[in-house]
């Protein structure tokens, strides 16, 4: 170790100039002085070992110095200035997860739908009043999620409110009036496929309401929702977000699939053309209506399957419910015919059996 340390002390420090590759050694004494004051030479093995270690250290130092030269010669890119214009079409999303396999998706959805049935029975038993609002951009996946929620539930307990454009009479009413009549009674859950937030979105962007009406909505909507919550209604609001690229892909799919033409209205096309205006309207809406009593929950809708499973899971976690599954049911025996004779089948009109 002492020999290695002695060799390392002779190496030039790395802080010196990159051109100084050669190590500095003590100045050689005059030959005469060296002859006069000659010291005994070390053993041959020790000298060879010291020389070998010294060569190894010098080699490492040369590699470091060479690397320093390369780093110095490499041109340094000037710092880029922050762009003054931000592209609003680019939506920051986390790293995408791999697509769900259809089998895994269907198995998970089936389990969640069983839990939805349990939730429905609890709502009916406790006479709860539940309102779920689905808002978001066109083609963001609201309708598909609503279908997966309701397809296993009773329409007598769970209803969908998807209102058309207001009539002349409804336009003269208090703005929230046409929505109030669809609110649930005890033991019901209503899913609003778009809601009173039309005024903050499509009506604002398309000019279907005045500036005063829009400002009044932003003032009164939070109070309206607080009134709903105070009355005992459980209000849950979901906003479905979709990226620019994914929305375009889904719009193109609707154009070229005849069974989906009805999903593409002139308003949808106009919303596509006014992407930035809808973004600004959404930001203003969140700033005024994302309240403590009824906050907005944002759904990443780029992956439809994951979005549906995530929304159903979140909805189930929003309401504390218990399993009211009844005991196994035993069917009673069918009564005896007691001499009953059915009329001939030819007296009835059957549909053609095409398949």
Protein backbone atom coordinates (compact mmCIF):
# COMPACT_ATOMS: atom_id res chain seq x y z
CA UNK A 1 0.00 0.00 0.00
CA UNK A 2 2.85 2.43 0.79
CA UNK A 3 4.33 1.86 -2.65
CA UNK A 4 0.98 2.54 -4.41
CA UNK A 5 0.50 5.71 -2.39
CA UNK A 6 3.95 6.95 -3.30
CA UNK A 7 3.23 6.43 -6.98
CA UNK A 8 -0.15 8.22 -6.77
CA UNK A 9 1.48 11.25 -5.18
CA UNK A 10 3.70 11.59 -8.23
CA UNK A 11 0.69 11.77 -10.63
CA UNK A 12 -0.39 15.26 -11.71
CA UNK A 13 -3.77 16.24 -10.13
CA UNK A 14 -6.78 16.21 -12.50
CA UNK A 15 -7.44 19.89 -11.91
CA UNK A 16 -4.46 20.89 -14.00
CA UNK A 17 -4.68 21.64 -17.69
CA UNK A 18 -5.79 18.84 -19.97
CA UNK A 19 -2.60 19.20 -22.03
CA UNK A 20 -0.43 18.30 -19.08
CA UNK A 21 -0.40 14.55 -19.62
CA UNK A 22 3.13 13.90 -18.42
CA UNK A 23 3.77 13.28 -14.75
CA UNK A 24 6.30 15.35 -12.94
CA UNK A 25 9.22 13.48 -11.41
CA UNK A 26 11.99 14.87 -9.20
CA UNK A 27 14.79 16.50 -11.19
CA UNK A 28 17.61 14.08 -11.87
CA UNK A 29 20.79 14.79 -9.91
CA UNK A 30 24.10 15.30 -11.78
CA UNK A 31 25.70 12.10 -12.85
CA UNK A 32 28.72 12.69 -10.66
CA UNK A 33 26.57 13.34 -7.62
CA UNK A 34 24.52 10.27 -8.42
CA UNK A 35 27.70 8.22 -8.57
CA UNK A 36 29.09 9.69 -5.37
CA UNK A 37 25.92 9.32 -3.32
CA UNK A 38 24.55 6.15 -4.89
CA UNK A 39 22.11 4.29 -2.65
CA UNK A 40 21.76 0.55 -2.65
CA UNK A 41 19.32 -0.66 -5.31
CA UNK A 42 16.12 -2.32 -4.14
CA UNK A 43 15.63 -6.02 -4.80
CA UNK A 44 14.66 -6.93 -8.36
CA UNK A 45 11.16 -8.28 -7.43
CA UNK A 46 10.22 -5.15 -5.44
CA UNK A 47 11.42 -2.86 -8.22
CA UNK A 48 9.41 -4.77 -10.82
CA UNK A 49 6.31 -4.67 -8.65
CA UNK A 50 6.66 -0.92 -8.09
CA UNK A 51 7.16 -0.31 -11.81
CA UNK A 52 4.07 -2.37 -12.69
CA UNK A 53 1.84 -0.52 -10.20
CA UNK A 54 3.17 2.83 -11.40
CA UNK A 55 2.36 1.94 -15.01
CA UNK A 56 -1.18 0.94 -14.02
CA UNK A 57 -1.81 4.25 -12.26
CA UNK A 58 -0.36 6.23 -15.16
CA UNK A 59 -2.61 4.33 -17.57
CA UNK A 60 -5.73 5.15 -15.55
CA UNK A 61 -4.71 8.79 -15.38
CA UNK A 62 -4.23 8.91 -19.14
CA UNK A 63 -7.73 7.50 -19.69
CA UNK A 64 -9.24 10.16 -17.37
CA UNK A 65 -7.32 12.93 -19.08
CA UNK A 66 -8.45 11.69 -22.46
CA UNK A 67 -12.06 11.73 -21.26
CA UNK A 68 -11.61 15.27 -20.03
CA UNK A 69 -10.35 16.29 -23.44
CA UNK A 70 -13.38 14.75 -25.10
CA UNK A 71 -15.74 16.53 -22.73
CA UNK A 72 -14.04 19.86 -23.34
CA UNK A 73 -14.06 19.44 -27.09
CA UNK A 74 -17.78 18.51 -27.14
CA UNK A 75 -19.83 21.60 -28.03
CA UNK A 76 -22.24 22.70 -25.32
CA UNK A 77 -25.76 23.47 -26.53
CA UNK A 78 -26.98 26.90 -25.49
CA UNK A 79 -29.89 26.90 -23.00
CA UNK A 80 -33.24 26.92 -24.78
CA UNK A 81 -35.58 29.74 -23.94
CA UNK A 82 -39.06 28.92 -22.66
CA UNK A 83 -41.53 29.11 -25.55
CA UNK A 84 -43.86 32.05 -25.30
CA UNK A 85 -46.73 30.17 -26.99
CA UNK A 86 -48.13 27.04 -25.34
CA UNK A 87 -49.86 24.43 -27.47
CA UNK A 88 -53.20 23.87 -25.75
CA UNK A 89 -53.83 20.79 -27.87
CA UNK A 90 -51.14 18.89 -26.02
CA UNK A 91 -52.58 17.34 -22.89
CA UNK A 92 -50.11 16.06 -20.33
CA UNK A 93 -50.93 12.44 -19.51
CA UNK A 94 -48.98 10.02 -17.38
CA UNK A 95 -47.19 7.10 -18.98
CA UNK A 96 -49.76 4.92 -20.68
CA UNK A 97 -50.41 1.46 -19.29
CA UNK A 98 -50.59 -1.45 -21.71
CA UNK A 99 -54.09 -2.14 -23.12
CA UNK A 100 -56.29 -4.41 -21.04
CA UNK A 101 -56.96 -7.85 -22.43
CA UNK A 102 -60.61 -8.30 -23.31
CA UNK A 103 -60.90 -11.34 -21.04
CA UNK A 104 -59.48 -9.49 -18.02
CA UNK A 105 -61.67 -6.47 -18.75
CA UNK A 106 -64.86 -8.52 -18.98
CA UNK A 107 -64.09 -10.50 -15.84
CA UNK A 108 -63.41 -7.34 -13.83
CA UNK A 109 -66.47 -5.59 -15.26
CA UNK A 110 -68.67 -8.55 -14.33
CA UNK A 111 -67.48 -8.41 -10.71
CA UNK A 112 -68.04 -4.67 -10.52
CA UNK A 113 -71.53 -4.96 -11.97
CA UNK A 114 -72.41 -7.42 -9.22
CA UNK A 115 -71.32 -4.78 -6.72
CA UNK A 116 -73.47 -2.22 -8.54
CA UNK A 117 -76.48 -4.46 -7.97
CA UNK A 118 -75.65 -4.55 -4.27
CA UNK A 119 -75.34 -0.76 -4.27
CA UNK A 120 -78.72 -0.48 -6.00
CA UNK A 121 -80.39 -2.62 -3.35
CA UNK A 122 -78.80 -0.50 -0.63
CA UNK A 123 -80.04 2.71 -2.26
CA UNK A 124 -83.54 1.28 -2.45
CA UNK A 125 -83.43 -0.04 1.13
CA UNK A 126 -82.08 3.18 2.64
CA UNK A 127 -84.14 5.39 0.28
CA UNK A 128 -81.06 7.32 -0.76
CA UNK A 129 -81.15 10.00 -3.44
CA UNK A 130 -78.13 9.80 -5.74
CA UNK A 131 -77.28 12.08 -8.68
CA UNK A 132 -74.29 11.31 -10.91
CA UNK A 133 -73.31 13.95 -13.48
CA UNK A 134 -71.33 12.91 -16.56
CA UNK A 135 -69.67 15.78 -18.42
CA UNK A 136 -66.70 16.12 -20.73
CA UNK A 137 -65.62 16.52 -24.32
CA UNK A 138 -67.42 14.80 -27.15
CA UNK A 139 -66.30 11.21 -27.75
CA UNK A 140 -64.65 11.09 -24.32
CA UNK A 141 -66.50 7.90 -23.28
CA UNK A 142 -69.42 9.16 -21.17
CA UNK A 143 -72.14 7.19 -22.96
CA UNK A 144 -70.22 3.90 -22.91
CA UNK A 145 -69.57 4.21 -19.19
CA UNK A 146 -73.23 4.95 -18.46
CA UNK A 147 -74.29 1.88 -20.45
CA UNK A 148 -71.95 -0.38 -18.47
CA UNK A 149 -73.34 0.98 -15.22
CA UNK A 150 -77.01 0.62 -16.10
CA UNK A 151 -77.05 -2.61 -18.13
CA UNK A 152 -77.25 -4.75 -14.97
CA UNK A 153 -79.48 -2.44 -12.92
CA UNK A 154 -83.23 -2.00 -12.64
CA UNK A 155 -84.66 0.94 -14.64
CA UNK A 156 -87.11 1.50 -11.80
CA UNK A 157 -84.23 2.40 -9.49
CA UNK A 158 -81.57 3.74 -11.85
CA UNK A 159 -82.61 6.19 -14.56
CA UNK A 160 -80.68 8.04 -17.24
CA UNK A 161 -81.51 11.68 -17.96
CA UNK A 162 -80.24 12.70 -21.41
CA UNK A 163 -82.23 15.81 -22.25
CA UNK A 164 -82.57 17.20 -25.78
CA UNK A 165 -82.23 20.84 -26.71
CA UNK A 166 -84.63 23.04 -24.71
CA UNK A 167 -87.95 24.01 -26.24
CA UNK A 168 -89.19 27.57 -26.54
CA UNK A 169 -91.20 27.12 -23.35
CA UNK A 170 -88.21 25.70 -21.45
CA UNK A 171 -86.04 28.57 -22.61
CA UNK A 172 -88.38 30.96 -20.83
CA UNK A 173 -88.16 29.01 -17.54
CA UNK A 174 -85.69 29.34 -14.72
CA UNK A 175 -82.60 27.71 -16.15
CA UNK A 176 -82.39 24.84 -13.61
CA UNK A 177 -86.12 24.13 -13.78
CA UNK A 178 -85.99 21.57 -16.60
CA UNK A 179 -83.38 19.60 -14.68
CA UNK A 180 -85.07 19.72 -11.28
CA UNK A 181 -87.99 17.60 -12.50
CA UNK A 182 -85.56 14.75 -13.23
CA UNK A 183 -83.99 14.71 -9.77
CA UNK A 184 -84.42 11.42 -7.85
CA UNK A 185 -86.88 10.62 -5.13
CA UNK A 186 -85.99 8.39 -2.18
CA UNK A 187 -84.56 5.06 -3.32
CA UNK A 188 -83.50 6.26 -6.80
CA UNK A 189 -80.30 7.05 -8.67
CA UNK A 190 -80.25 9.33 -11.71
CA UNK A 191 -77.36 9.50 -14.16
CA UNK A 192 -77.23 12.78 -16.08
CA UNK A 193 -75.73 12.29 -19.54
CA UNK A 194 -74.84 15.97 -19.74
CA UNK A 195 -76.59 18.27 -17.32
CA UNK A 196 -77.09 21.88 -16.34
CA UNK A 197 -73.42 22.40 -17.23
CA UNK A 198 -74.48 22.80 -20.86
CA UNK A 199 -74.62 26.51 -20.13
CA UNK A 200 -70.97 26.57 -19.09
CA UNK A 201 -69.94 24.55 -22.14
CA UNK A 202 -71.79 24.35 -25.43
CA UNK A 203 -74.08 27.32 -24.77
CA UNK A 204 -71.14 29.50 -23.80
CA UNK A 205 -68.93 28.52 -26.76
CA UNK A 206 -71.67 28.46 -29.41
CA UNK A 207 -73.29 31.68 -28.24
CA UNK A 208 -76.63 30.12 -27.24
CA UNK A 209 -76.76 32.24 -24.11
CA UNK A 210 -75.97 35.86 -23.35
CA UNK A 211 -72.99 37.03 -21.33
CA UNK A 212 -75.28 37.96 -18.44
CA UNK A 213 -76.92 34.52 -18.44
CA UNK A 214 -73.50 32.88 -18.42
CA UNK A 215 -72.26 35.00 -15.53
CA UNK A 216 -75.45 34.33 -13.57
CA UNK A 217 -74.97 30.60 -14.06
CA UNK A 218 -71.44 30.71 -12.65
CA UNK A 219 -72.78 32.56 -9.61
CA UNK A 220 -75.89 30.45 -9.00
CA UNK A 221 -74.65 26.95 -9.90
CA UNK A 222 -72.54 26.45 -6.75
CA UNK A 223 -75.45 27.58 -4.58
CA UNK A 224 -77.85 25.34 -6.48
CA UNK A 225 -75.62 22.32 -5.88
CA UNK A 226 -75.17 23.18 -2.22
CA UNK A 227 -78.96 23.24 -1.93
CA UNK A 228 -79.12 19.76 -3.47
CA UNK A 229 -76.55 18.43 -1.02
CA UNK A 230 -78.31 20.03 1.97
CA UNK A 231 -81.57 18.41 0.87
CA UNK A 232 -79.95 14.98 1.24
CA UNK A 233 -78.95 14.31 -2.37
CA UNK A 234 -75.61 12.59 -2.92
CA UNK A 235 -74.10 14.55 -5.82
CA UNK A 236 -71.15 13.08 -7.73
CA UNK A 237 -69.65 14.85 -10.76
CA UNK A 238 -67.33 13.27 -13.35
CA UNK A 239 -65.46 15.11 -16.09
CA UNK A 240 -64.20 12.88 -18.92
CA UNK A 241 -60.97 14.13 -20.44
CA UNK A 242 -59.69 12.97 -23.83
CA UNK A 243 -56.61 13.95 -25.80
CA UNK A 244 -56.74 15.73 -29.13
CA UNK A 245 -55.38 12.73 -31.04
CA UNK A 246 -57.75 10.22 -29.45
CA UNK A 247 -60.80 12.40 -30.04
CA UNK A 248 -59.89 12.73 -33.71
CA UNK A 249 -59.48 8.97 -34.03
CA UNK A 250 -62.91 8.35 -32.50
CA UNK A 251 -64.53 10.97 -34.70
CA UNK A 252 -63.03 9.34 -37.78
CA UNK A 253 -64.39 5.99 -36.61
CA UNK A 254 -67.88 7.46 -36.28
CA UNK A 255 -67.68 8.87 -39.79
CA UNK A 256 -66.85 5.53 -41.42
CA UNK A 257 -69.09 3.27 -39.31
CA UNK A 258 -72.78 3.52 -40.28
CA UNK A 259 -73.99 2.27 -36.90
CA UNK A 260 -72.26 5.20 -35.21
CA UNK A 261 -73.37 8.05 -37.48
CA UNK A 262 -75.98 9.15 -34.96
CA UNK A 263 -73.20 9.86 -32.45
CA UNK A 264 -71.74 12.57 -34.67
CA UNK A 265 -73.90 15.69 -34.64
CA UNK A 266 -73.17 19.12 -36.13
CA UNK A 267 -72.47 20.33 -32.58
CA UNK A 268 -69.81 17.63 -32.20
CA UNK A 269 -68.08 18.78 -35.38
CA UNK A 270 -68.20 22.37 -34.22
CA UNK A 271 -66.74 21.41 -30.85
CA UNK A 272 -63.87 19.78 -32.69
CA UNK A 273 -63.20 22.99 -34.59
CA UNK A 274 -63.36 25.08 -31.38
CA UNK A 275 -61.12 22.90 -29.22
CA UNK A 276 -59.32 25.78 -27.53
CA UNK A 277 -62.51 27.71 -26.78
CA UNK A 278 -63.96 24.62 -25.08
CA UNK A 279 -60.75 24.28 -23.07
CA UNK A 280 -61.06 27.85 -21.82
CA UNK A 281 -64.75 27.34 -20.96
CA UNK A 282 -63.91 24.17 -19.04
CA UNK A 283 -61.19 25.96 -17.04
CA UNK A 284 -63.58 28.76 -16.08
CA UNK A 285 -66.26 26.23 -15.13
CA UNK A 286 -63.87 24.33 -12.85
CA UNK A 287 -62.72 27.56 -11.22
CA UNK A 288 -66.29 28.42 -10.16
CA UNK A 289 -67.98 25.04 -9.60
CA UNK A 290 -65.28 22.76 -8.15
CA UNK A 291 -66.65 23.22 -4.65
CA UNK A 292 -66.05 21.27 -1.47
CA UNK A 293 -69.63 20.00 -1.25
CA UNK A 294 -69.58 18.71 -4.86
CA UNK A 295 -66.06 18.49 -6.30
CA UNK A 296 -65.20 17.48 -9.85
CA UNK A 297 -63.58 14.09 -10.42
CA UNK A 298 -61.57 13.95 -13.64
CA UNK A 299 -61.47 10.73 -15.67
CA UNK A 300 -58.72 9.98 -18.18
CA UNK A 301 -60.85 8.77 -21.08
CA UNK A 302 -58.16 7.88 -23.62
CA UNK A 303 -58.42 4.20 -22.62
CA UNK A 304 -62.13 3.38 -22.67
CA UNK A 305 -61.89 0.06 -20.84
CA UNK A 306 -59.80 1.41 -18.01
CA UNK A 307 -61.95 4.53 -17.75
CA UNK A 308 -65.12 2.47 -17.33
CA UNK A 309 -63.61 0.25 -14.66
CA UNK A 310 -62.11 3.21 -12.82
CA UNK A 311 -65.37 5.18 -12.77
CA UNK A 312 -67.43 2.22 -11.54
CA UNK A 313 -64.87 1.47 -8.82
CA UNK A 314 -64.84 5.12 -7.72
CA UNK A 315 -68.63 5.31 -7.69
CA UNK A 316 -68.83 2.21 -5.49
CA UNK A 317 -66.33 3.75 -3.07
CA UNK A 318 -68.27 7.02 -2.85
CA UNK A 319 -71.24 5.42 -1.08
CA UNK A 320 -71.01 3.16 1.97
CA UNK A 321 -73.27 0.21 1.27
CA UNK A 322 -73.86 -3.24 2.67
CA UNK A 323 -74.59 -6.53 0.98
CA UNK A 324 -78.34 -7.13 1.14
CA UNK A 325 -78.31 -10.21 -1.07
CA UNK A 326 -81.31 -12.33 0.01
CA UNK A 327 -81.11 -15.93 1.04
CA UNK A 328 -81.22 -18.54 -1.74
CA UNK A 329 -84.66 -18.50 -3.35
CA UNK A 330 -86.67 -21.66 -3.74
CA UNK A 331 -89.24 -21.66 -6.55
CA UNK A 332 -92.72 -22.80 -5.50
CA UNK A 333 -94.26 -25.70 -7.44
CA UNK A 334 -96.48 -24.77 -10.36
CA UNK A 335 -100.19 -25.20 -9.77
CA UNK A 336 -102.10 -28.01 -11.40
CA UNK A 337 -103.79 -27.25 -14.71
CA UNK A 338 -107.15 -28.24 -13.24
CA UNK A 339 -108.76 -29.01 -16.59
CA UNK A 340 -107.44 -25.87 -18.34
CA UNK A 341 -107.22 -26.28 -22.14
CA UNK A 342 -105.13 -23.81 -24.16
CA UNK A 343 -106.54 -22.41 -27.40
CA UNK A 344 -104.99 -23.70 -30.64
CA UNK A 345 -101.66 -22.15 -31.64
CA UNK A 346 -103.04 -21.34 -35.09
CA UNK A 347 -105.25 -18.68 -33.51
CA UNK A 348 -102.14 -16.64 -32.60
CA UNK A 349 -99.96 -14.54 -34.88
CA UNK A 350 -96.26 -15.30 -34.60
CA UNK A 351 -93.39 -13.25 -36.05
CA UNK A 352 -91.60 -14.80 -39.04
CA UNK A 353 -88.70 -17.02 -38.04
CA UNK A 354 -86.08 -15.54 -40.35
CA UNK A 355 -83.15 -16.90 -38.36
